[in-house]
Amino acid sequence: MYFIIINGLLAVFFLFLIFVGIKLKFWAYLPINMVGIIVVSTCLYLDLNNLLNPTNILLLFAVLIVVFISDIIFTFRDFKEDITEEEVKRHKRYLPTGSANDHYKLIRDEKLIKSELDQHQTAPIQERIQALEIFKQGNEAFDNKQYKEALEKYDRSTTWKETSIGYLNQSGVLMKLGQYDDALVVAQKAAEMQPAFYEAYLNMGVALEKLKKFDDALSRYRTAASISPDEYEIWYCCASVLYKINRTEEAIEAYDKSIQINGRLYESWFYKGVCLQKVGKDAEALHCFKQVIKLHPTYSQAYYRSGNVLSKLERNSEAIQMYEKSIKNNSEFVTAWNNLGLVLTKTGRLKDAIRCYERAVKINPDYYDSWLNMGLAQDNLGQHKKAYISYTHFLELAPSDMEKRIAITRKRVEELKTKYKIKKVKIQRKTAGHQKDKKQKIESQFSET
């Protein structure tokens, strides 16, 4: 009986690995785990027919050991390798745009444009050759960051012979140059020439998103997805737009589709977590951020977001660890310093909290939240003159819509001034504060929570 139960559990395990392989497109999992299923089935057959003996038990056990070792090797390879087969294919097909946040495409693969040119047999061969050669020059110029020259070459290539790829690459260069209206026009030409060219619709969507025409951008992304539903980047772009127009639940679904296609895309895990935070699903959000940390251990935003969730759940010691790791990976992360100070304040470590707030305002002297938080901590420690100065900084910097906090702080400042006879302090603001603040842009397209 125990033998049957053990083999049944093994069969379920191998079926699960086959399912994972299919979902994540790790095809090597399929044959080796099919062997595992066959071995388990053979064991059950021999056992039920009283044919098991020490020799075939050892043989079948040895095969199972090979299957388990193979699974370990494939898991390490598929989840840990720096470059996947899919990434190699994309490198051969596309020119690098220089930023992970640039989702528009330029075709690198010269075979693709040659194939398109060969479809126009009625065109003189000289024109086709010229179009191809000048297209190659455009790619070389783009690789060398000579964007205006690249644009001129692609334009000349399509003058010799119109190609959808030539227009697509023009749209990519125009977006690199920030000319989104023009990029939209030429990407539209590419789509008209080749209706099944998903990259053309992707570029149109990116241009429209940059122009803040989110509904139109979403429409183009969905057209691209209908043409090529296995492109994870399209679903990622769909999710981004859906978030921006406050369709958060739909955004989560789109991020899920992106993750199902490419489970190692840490950006999808991260922004799915951000969306889950927004709808109050903190436990699920925390799981997403943990996935990000596994995939990208130095991504400070993931630790920061994890700290926010853990702090909200009153798991303060864990939150402190997350904020400290966030700061370790980005020592200039001003909001992480501030939030670490808040959790330390909650746990009664006011002196440590003040040091965090001091670091935050050193990074960005105009960060009014930390001035207020520091003032409160100093006030609680009886450091009234220091608290008065911090409160005064806050009052100078706080936006007018913080009426309640401004009123309470102003009242406390007057109390301190009267009770401790503190002379009015003239605050000298550092003009470099705004520039430092710009330097502290969070690596996220979404607003912080």
Protein backbone atom coordinates (compact mmCIF):
# COMPACT_ATOMS: atom_id res chain seq x y z
CA MET A 1 0.00 0.00 0.00
CA TYR A 2 2.80 2.42 0.94
CA PHE A 3 4.59 1.58 -2.30
CA ILE A 4 1.50 2.56 -4.31
CA ILE A 5 1.08 5.86 -2.40
CA ILE A 6 4.77 6.80 -2.90
CA ASN A 7 4.56 6.07 -6.64
CA GLY A 8 1.32 8.04 -6.86
CA LEU A 9 2.97 11.06 -5.26
CA LEU A 10 5.93 10.75 -7.61
CA ALA A 11 3.57 10.66 -10.58
CA VAL A 12 1.85 13.85 -9.38
CA PHE A 13 5.26 15.51 -8.95
CA PHE A 14 6.37 14.63 -12.48
CA LEU A 15 3.03 15.79 -13.92
CA PHE A 16 3.45 19.09 -12.09
CA LEU A 17 6.92 19.59 -13.60
CA ILE A 18 5.53 18.82 -17.06
CA PHE A 19 2.82 21.43 -16.46
CA VAL A 20 5.45 23.99 -15.37
CA GLY A 21 7.51 23.22 -18.45
CA ILE A 22 4.54 23.83 -20.75
CA LYS A 23 3.45 27.04 -19.00
CA LEU A 24 6.94 28.56 -18.87
CA LYS A 25 8.05 27.07 -22.21
CA PHE A 26 10.92 25.15 -20.59
CA TRP A 27 10.66 22.33 -23.09
CA ALA A 28 13.53 20.28 -21.66
CA TYR A 29 11.28 19.43 -18.70
CA LEU A 30 8.86 17.48 -20.89
CA PRO A 31 10.85 14.42 -22.11
CA ILE A 32 12.81 13.85 -18.89
CA ASN A 33 9.67 13.96 -16.73
CA MET A 34 7.79 11.78 -19.20
CA VAL A 35 10.53 9.24 -18.50
CA GLY A 36 9.74 9.71 -14.79
CA ILE A 37 6.05 8.99 -15.46
CA ILE A 38 6.98 5.85 -17.42
CA VAL A 39 9.24 4.62 -14.60
CA VAL A 40 6.50 5.16 -12.00
CA SER A 41 3.93 3.41 -14.21
CA THR A 42 6.32 0.49 -14.71
CA CYS A 43 6.86 0.22 -10.94
CA LEU A 44 3.11 0.12 -10.32
CA TYR A 45 2.57 -2.46 -13.07
CA LEU A 46 5.31 -4.76 -11.77
CA ASP A 47 4.10 -4.37 -8.17
CA LEU A 48 0.47 -5.12 -9.00
CA ASN A 49 1.54 -8.22 -10.97
CA ASN A 50 4.01 -9.40 -8.30
CA LEU A 51 6.90 -9.11 -10.76
CA LEU A 52 9.14 -6.83 -8.69
CA ASN A 53 12.50 -8.19 -7.69
CA PRO A 54 15.66 -6.59 -6.26
CA THR A 55 17.28 -6.29 -9.69
CA ASN A 56 14.51 -4.32 -11.43
CA ILE A 57 13.89 -2.28 -8.28
CA LEU A 58 17.53 -1.13 -8.35
CA LEU A 59 17.35 -0.47 -12.10
CA LEU A 60 14.17 1.60 -11.83
CA PHE A 61 15.54 3.46 -8.80
CA ALA A 62 18.71 4.32 -10.76
CA VAL A 63 16.59 5.74 -13.61
CA LEU A 64 14.61 7.85 -11.11
CA ILE A 65 17.87 9.21 -9.71
CA VAL A 66 18.91 10.24 -13.24
CA VAL A 67 15.53 11.94 -13.75
CA PHE A 68 15.85 13.88 -10.46
CA ILE A 69 19.42 14.98 -11.24
CA SER A 70 18.33 16.09 -14.71
CA ASP A 71 15.47 18.11 -13.24
CA ILE A 72 17.88 19.83 -10.86
CA ILE A 73 20.25 20.66 -13.73
CA PHE A 74 17.42 21.98 -15.95
CA THR A 75 15.98 24.04 -13.09
CA PHE A 76 19.35 25.62 -12.37
CA ARG A 77 19.91 26.30 -16.06
CA ASP A 78 16.47 27.68 -16.86
CA PHE A 79 16.11 29.87 -13.79
CA LYS A 80 19.69 30.99 -13.23
CA GLU A 81 21.26 31.46 -16.66
CA ASP A 82 21.97 35.06 -17.60
CA ILE A 83 21.05 34.69 -21.27
CA THR A 84 18.12 32.59 -22.44
CA GLU A 85 17.49 31.22 -25.90
CA GLU A 86 14.60 33.65 -26.24
CA GLU A 87 16.89 36.58 -25.41
CA VAL A 88 19.38 35.44 -28.05
CA LYS A 89 16.61 35.36 -30.67
CA ARG A 90 15.45 38.83 -29.69
CA HIS A 91 19.02 40.12 -29.87
CA LYS A 92 19.33 38.80 -33.44
CA ARG A 93 15.98 40.29 -34.46
CA TYR A 94 16.06 43.76 -32.84
CA LEU A 95 18.43 46.66 -32.43
CA PRO A 96 19.05 47.64 -28.79
CA THR A 97 17.24 50.89 -27.92
CA GLY A 98 19.48 51.61 -24.96
CA SER A 99 16.87 51.42 -22.21
CA ALA A 100 14.79 48.62 -20.70
CA ASN A 101 11.86 51.07 -20.57
CA ASP A 102 11.87 51.60 -24.36
CA HIS A 103 9.40 49.09 -25.76
CA TYR A 104 9.38 50.27 -29.39
CA LYS A 105 11.19 48.12 -31.93
CA LEU A 106 13.76 48.50 -34.69
CA ILE A 107 14.56 45.47 -36.82
CA ARG A 108 18.20 44.38 -36.89
CA ASP A 109 17.86 41.12 -38.85
CA GLU A 110 18.81 41.95 -42.44
CA LYS A 111 17.33 38.66 -43.66
CA LEU A 112 13.87 39.98 -42.82
CA ILE A 113 14.13 43.10 -44.98
CA LYS A 114 15.81 41.11 -47.76
CA SER A 115 12.89 38.68 -47.68
CA GLU A 116 10.45 41.60 -47.89
CA LEU A 117 12.37 43.16 -50.78
CA ASP A 118 12.44 39.82 -52.63
CA GLN A 119 8.65 39.84 -52.65
CA HIS A 120 8.81 42.79 -55.07
CA GLN A 121 10.20 40.93 -58.09
CA THR A 122 8.78 43.53 -60.46
CA ALA A 123 11.03 46.22 -58.95
CA PRO A 124 14.46 46.61 -60.59
CA ILE A 125 17.10 44.60 -58.76
CA GLN A 126 19.32 47.69 -58.47
CA GLU A 127 16.63 49.49 -56.46
CA ARG A 128 16.25 46.52 -54.15
CA ILE A 129 19.99 46.26 -53.61
CA GLN A 130 20.25 49.98 -52.86
CA ALA A 131 17.33 49.82 -50.41
CA LEU A 132 18.99 46.92 -48.57
CA GLU A 133 22.47 48.45 -48.45
CA ILE A 134 21.24 51.83 -47.18
CA PHE A 135 19.06 50.04 -44.59
CA LYS A 136 22.22 48.29 -43.32
CA GLN A 137 23.92 51.69 -43.05
CA GLY A 138 20.94 52.94 -41.03
CA ASN A 139 21.31 50.06 -38.59
CA GLU A 140 25.02 50.76 -38.23
CA ALA A 141 24.35 54.46 -37.56
CA PHE A 142 21.72 53.61 -34.94
CA ASP A 143 24.13 51.20 -33.22
CA ASN A 144 26.64 54.07 -33.09
CA LYS A 145 24.00 56.40 -31.58
CA GLN A 146 24.02 58.58 -34.72
CA TYR A 147 20.25 58.84 -34.69
CA LYS A 148 19.72 61.64 -37.20
CA GLU A 149 21.98 59.89 -39.68
CA ALA A 150 20.13 56.62 -39.06
CA LEU A 151 16.81 58.34 -39.74
CA GLU A 152 18.17 59.79 -42.99
CA LYS A 153 19.41 56.35 -44.10
CA TYR A 154 16.11 54.60 -43.36
CA ASP A 155 14.27 57.38 -45.22
CA ARG A 156 16.54 56.93 -48.25
CA SER A 157 16.07 53.17 -48.11
CA THR A 158 12.28 53.53 -48.33
CA THR A 159 12.73 56.09 -51.12
CA TRP A 160 14.51 53.46 -53.21
CA LYS A 161 11.92 50.83 -52.30
CA GLU A 162 9.16 51.11 -49.71
CA THR A 163 9.32 48.43 -47.01
CA SER A 164 7.36 48.03 -43.83
CA ILE A 165 10.60 47.35 -41.95
CA GLY A 166 12.15 50.56 -43.27
CA TYR A 167 9.16 52.54 -42.00
CA LEU A 168 9.19 50.65 -38.69
CA ASN A 169 12.83 51.57 -38.07
CA GLN A 170 12.09 55.18 -38.96
CA SER A 171 9.39 55.21 -36.30
CA GLY A 172 11.83 53.78 -33.76
CA VAL A 173 14.43 56.47 -34.44
CA LEU A 174 11.79 59.21 -34.30
CA MET A 175 10.71 57.96 -30.87
CA LYS A 176 14.34 57.93 -29.77
CA LEU A 177 14.44 61.59 -30.82
CA GLY A 178 11.15 62.33 -29.00
CA GLN A 179 9.19 63.04 -32.21
CA TYR A 180 6.17 60.93 -31.32
CA ASP A 181 3.66 62.42 -33.77
CA ASP A 182 5.95 61.69 -36.72
CA ALA A 183 6.75 58.25 -35.32
CA LEU A 184 3.04 57.44 -35.22
CA VAL A 185 2.62 58.40 -38.89
CA VAL A 186 5.43 56.17 -40.20
CA ALA A 187 4.52 53.26 -37.92
CA GLN A 188 1.02 53.50 -39.42
CA LYS A 189 2.59 53.22 -42.89
CA ALA A 190 4.42 50.08 -41.80
CA ALA A 191 1.15 48.55 -40.56
CA GLU A 192 -0.66 49.45 -43.78
CA MET A 193 2.02 47.74 -45.86
CA GLN A 194 2.06 44.62 -43.69
CA PRO A 195 -1.14 44.21 -41.61
CA ALA A 196 0.30 41.22 -39.70
CA PHE A 197 3.38 43.18 -38.59
CA TYR A 198 2.84 43.24 -34.83
CA GLU A 199 5.91 45.42 -34.21
CA ALA A 200 4.27 48.21 -36.23
CA TYR A 201 1.23 48.19 -33.93
CA LEU A 202 3.52 48.01 -30.89
CA ASN A 203 5.39 51.12 -32.07
CA MET A 204 2.11 52.90 -32.75
CA GLY A 205 0.98 52.04 -29.24
CA VAL A 206 4.21 53.35 -27.68
CA ALA A 207 3.93 56.63 -29.64
CA LEU A 208 0.29 57.09 -28.60
CA GLU A 209 1.15 56.29 -24.98
CA LYS A 210 3.90 58.93 -25.04
CA LEU A 211 1.32 61.37 -26.44
CA LYS A 212 -0.94 60.40 -23.49
CA LYS A 213 -3.62 59.03 -25.82
CA PHE A 214 -4.03 56.00 -23.61
CA ASP A 215 -7.24 54.53 -25.03
CA ASP A 216 -5.81 54.61 -28.57
CA ALA A 217 -2.53 53.15 -27.33
CA LEU A 218 -4.38 50.29 -25.62
CA SER A 219 -6.26 49.58 -28.84
CA ARG A 220 -2.99 49.27 -30.81
CA TYR A 221 -1.41 47.06 -28.15
CA ARG A 222 -4.41 44.76 -28.24
CA THR A 223 -4.19 44.55 -32.02
CA ALA A 224 -0.51 43.59 -31.64
CA ALA A 225 -1.49 40.96 -29.06
CA SER A 226 -4.12 39.49 -31.40
CA ILE A 227 -1.41 39.10 -34.08
CA SER A 228 1.28 37.71 -31.76
CA PRO A 229 -0.24 36.65 -28.42
CA ASP A 230 2.99 35.01 -27.20
CA GLU A 231 4.96 38.25 -27.01
CA TYR A 232 5.24 39.05 -23.31
CA GLU A 233 6.28 42.66 -23.99
CA ILE A 234 2.94 43.47 -25.61
CA TRP A 235 1.03 42.31 -22.54
CA TYR A 236 3.42 44.30 -20.36
CA CYS A 237 2.64 47.44 -22.38
CA CYS A 238 -1.11 46.72 -22.17
CA ALA A 239 -0.84 46.43 -18.40
CA SER A 240 1.10 49.68 -18.14
CA VAL A 241 -1.62 51.62 -19.97
CA LEU A 242 -4.42 49.92 -18.05
CA TYR A 243 -2.79 50.99 -14.79
CA LYS A 244 -2.47 54.56 -15.99
CA ILE A 245 -6.19 54.77 -16.79
CA ASN A 246 -7.07 53.24 -13.38
CA ARG A 247 -8.24 49.88 -14.71
CA THR A 248 -6.12 48.15 -12.11
CA GLU A 249 -7.78 44.72 -12.08
CA GLU A 250 -7.39 44.45 -15.86
CA ALA A 251 -3.77 45.57 -15.49
CA ILE A 252 -3.15 42.69 -13.07
CA GLU A 253 -4.59 40.24 -15.62
CA ALA A 254 -2.31 41.64 -18.33
CA TYR A 255 0.75 41.39 -16.09
CA ASP A 256 -0.26 37.78 -15.36
CA LYS A 257 -0.28 37.02 -19.09
CA SER A 258 3.16 38.58 -19.44
CA ILE A 259 4.43 36.46 -16.54
CA GLN A 260 2.87 33.27 -17.94
CA ILE A 261 4.87 33.80 -21.15
CA ASN A 262 8.08 34.91 -19.44
CA GLY A 263 8.18 34.09 -15.75
CA ARG A 264 11.58 35.73 -15.34
CA LEU A 265 10.48 39.22 -16.32
CA TYR A 266 10.98 40.89 -12.96
CA GLU A 267 9.35 44.15 -14.13
CA SER A 268 6.01 42.36 -14.61
CA TRP A 269 6.23 40.81 -11.16
CA PHE A 270 7.11 44.19 -9.66
CA TYR A 271 4.33 46.22 -11.27
CA LYS A 272 1.81 43.46 -10.65
CA GLY A 273 2.75 43.83 -6.98
CA VAL A 274 2.26 47.61 -7.21
CA CYS A 275 -1.22 47.05 -8.66
CA LEU A 276 -2.07 44.51 -5.96
CA GLN A 277 -1.02 47.04 -3.32
CA LYS A 278 -3.36 49.56 -4.88
CA VAL A 279 -6.36 47.23 -4.57
CA GLY A 280 -5.44 46.25 -0.99
CA LYS A 281 -4.13 42.73 -1.67
CA ASP A 282 -1.02 43.15 0.43
CA ALA A 283 -0.18 39.47 0.94
CA GLU A 284 -0.24 38.81 -2.83
CA ALA A 285 1.74 41.99 -3.45
CA LEU A 286 4.41 40.84 -0.99
CA HIS A 287 4.67 37.52 -2.84
CA CYS A 288 5.28 39.42 -6.10
CA PHE A 289 8.01 41.55 -4.55
CA LYS A 290 9.69 38.41 -3.19
CA GLN A 291 9.70 37.02 -6.73
CA VAL A 292 11.35 40.23 -7.93
CA ILE A 293 14.06 39.88 -5.27
CA LYS A 294 14.76 36.29 -6.38
CA LEU A 295 15.09 37.40 -10.00
CA HIS A 296 16.87 40.71 -9.36
CA PRO A 297 18.51 40.69 -5.90
CA THR A 298 19.85 44.26 -6.21
CA TYR A 299 16.55 45.91 -7.19
CA SER A 300 16.10 48.39 -4.35
CA GLN A 301 12.48 49.17 -5.25
CA ALA A 302 11.41 45.59 -4.50
CA TYR A 303 12.89 45.74 -0.99
CA TYR A 304 11.34 49.17 -0.47
CA ARG A 305 7.88 48.00 -1.52
CA SER A 306 8.23 44.89 0.63
CA GLY A 307 9.10 47.15 3.56
CA ASN A 308 5.97 49.23 2.95
CA VAL A 309 3.73 46.14 3.01
CA LEU A 310 5.43 44.66 6.08
CA SER A 311 5.20 47.97 7.92
CA LYS A 312 1.49 48.17 7.14
CA LEU A 313 1.06 44.62 8.51
CA GLU A 314 2.97 45.67 11.69
CA ARG A 315 5.77 43.21 10.93
CA ASN A 316 8.20 45.92 11.91
CA SER A 317 11.44 43.98 12.34
CA GLU A 318 11.03 42.48 8.86
CA ALA A 319 10.15 45.89 7.44
CA ILE A 320 13.34 47.35 8.93
CA GLN A 321 15.38 44.61 7.24
CA MET A 322 13.74 45.32 3.89
CA TYR A 323 14.35 49.08 4.08
CA GLU A 324 17.96 48.48 5.09
CA LYS A 325 18.48 46.20 2.09
CA SER A 326 16.83 48.78 -0.16
CA ILE A 327 19.23 51.44 1.11
CA LYS A 328 22.19 49.06 0.78
CA ASN A 329 21.42 48.77 -2.93
CA ASN A 330 20.67 52.48 -3.34
CA SER A 331 22.15 54.66 -0.63
CA GLU A 332 20.47 57.77 -2.10
CA PHE A 333 16.93 56.33 -1.86
CA VAL A 334 15.40 59.19 0.11
CA THR A 335 11.93 57.71 0.69
CA ALA A 336 13.47 54.46 1.95
CA TRP A 337 15.48 56.44 4.53
CA ASN A 338 12.30 58.27 5.57
CA ASN A 339 10.20 55.11 5.84
CA LEU A 340 12.94 53.33 7.76
CA GLY A 341 12.80 56.24 10.19
CA LEU A 342 9.03 55.83 10.54
CA VAL A 343 9.30 52.13 11.43
CA LEU A 344 12.13 52.81 13.87
CA THR A 345 9.90 55.48 15.46
CA LYS A 346 7.10 52.93 15.80
CA THR A 347 9.45 50.58 17.63
CA GLY A 348 10.67 53.33 19.98
CA ARG A 349 14.13 53.74 18.46
CA LEU A 350 13.80 57.51 18.15
CA LYS A 351 17.51 58.35 18.01
CA ASP A 352 18.06 55.88 15.18
CA ALA A 353 14.99 57.27 13.44
CA ILE A 354 16.35 60.82 13.65
CA ARG A 355 19.58 59.68 11.99
CA CYS A 356 17.51 58.29 9.12
CA TYR A 357 15.55 61.54 8.72
CA GLU A 358 18.81 63.50 8.82
CA ARG A 359 20.16 61.36 5.99
CA ALA A 360 16.94 61.88 4.01
CA VAL A 361 17.10 65.69 4.22
CA LYS A 362 20.81 65.62 3.47
CA ILE A 363 20.01 63.83 0.20
CA ASN A 364 17.09 66.16 -0.51
CA PRO A 365 16.89 69.29 1.67
CA ASP A 366 13.40 70.02 0.34
CA TYR A 367 11.91 66.71 1.49
CA TYR A 368 9.34 68.16 3.86
CA ASP A 369 7.96 64.82 5.14
CA SER A 370 11.29 63.98 6.75
CA TRP A 371 11.57 67.46 8.29
CA LEU A 372 8.19 66.95 9.97
CA ASN A 373 8.96 63.37 11.06
CA MET A 374 12.32 64.47 12.45
CA GLY A 375 10.67 67.32 14.34
CA LEU A 376 8.17 64.95 15.94
CA ALA A 377 10.92 62.53 17.01
CA GLN A 378 13.06 65.35 18.42
CA ASP A 379 10.04 66.77 20.21
CA ASN A 380 9.35 63.40 21.85
CA LEU A 381 12.97 63.18 23.00
CA GLY A 382 12.77 66.65 24.55
CA GLN A 383 15.07 68.19 21.93
CA HIS A 384 12.75 71.17 21.62
CA LYS A 385 15.07 73.67 19.93
CA LYS A 386 16.01 71.11 17.28
CA ALA A 387 12.35 70.20 16.89
CA TYR A 388 11.50 73.88 16.41
CA ILE A 389 14.04 74.14 13.57
CA SER A 390 12.77 70.96 11.89
CA TYR A 391 9.15 72.13 12.17
CA THR A 392 10.12 75.48 10.69
CA HIS A 393 11.73 73.75 7.72
CA PHE A 394 8.54 71.76 7.22
CA LEU A 395 6.34 74.87 7.33
CA GLU A 396 8.51 76.56 4.70
CA LEU A 397 8.42 73.61 2.35
CA ALA A 398 5.02 71.96 2.84
CA PRO A 399 2.46 72.37 0.03
CA SER A 400 -0.67 74.33 0.83
CA ASP A 401 -2.98 71.32 0.52
CA MET A 402 -1.53 69.87 3.76
CA GLU A 403 -3.73 72.25 5.72
CA LYS A 404 -4.31 70.06 8.78
CA ARG A 405 -0.66 69.14 9.34
CA ILE A 406 0.45 72.71 8.71
CA ALA A 407 -2.06 74.04 11.25
CA ILE A 408 -1.03 71.51 13.92
CA THR A 409 2.67 72.13 13.31
CA ARG A 410 2.29 75.91 13.35
CA LYS A 411 0.45 75.69 16.67
CA ARG A 412 3.25 73.51 18.11
CA VAL A 413 5.91 75.94 16.86
CA GLU A 414 4.17 78.81 18.67
CA GLU A 415 3.96 76.70 21.85
CA LEU A 416 7.68 75.89 21.70
CA LYS A 417 8.60 79.48 20.98
CA THR A 418 6.58 80.72 23.95
CA LYS A 419 7.44 77.96 26.44
CA TYR A 420 11.17 77.72 25.75
CA LYS A 421 11.70 81.30 24.57
CA ILE A 422 13.18 80.18 21.27
CA LYS A 423 14.18 83.02 19.02
CA LYS A 424 12.91 82.97 15.48
CA VAL A 425 15.27 80.96 13.30
CA LYS A 426 15.97 82.06 9.76
CA ILE A 427 15.95 79.04 7.50
CA GLN A 428 18.49 79.00 4.69
CA ARG A 429 17.29 76.66 2.02
CA LYS A 430 19.78 75.05 -0.31
CA THR A 431 18.94 75.71 -3.94
CA ALA A 432 20.60 72.44 -4.88
CA GLY A 433 17.77 70.61 -3.16
CA HIS A 434 15.55 70.51 -6.22
CA GLN A 435 18.33 69.14 -8.39
CA LYS A 436 19.13 66.48 -5.82
CA ASP A 437 15.47 65.60 -5.77
CA LYS A 438 15.56 65.07 -9.53
CA LYS A 439 18.51 62.80 -9.06
CA GLN A 440 16.40 60.69 -6.71
CA LYS A 441 13.79 59.71 -9.28
CA ILE A 442 12.35 56.38 -8.27
CA GLU A 443 12.92 53.58 -10.78
CA SER A 444 9.20 53.22 -11.30
CA GLN A 445 6.60 54.53 -13.71
CA PHE A 446 3.99 54.51 -10.95
CA SER A 447 3.48 56.82 -8.00
CA GLU A 448 4.75 55.61 -4.62
CA THR A 449 2.52 54.41 -1.81
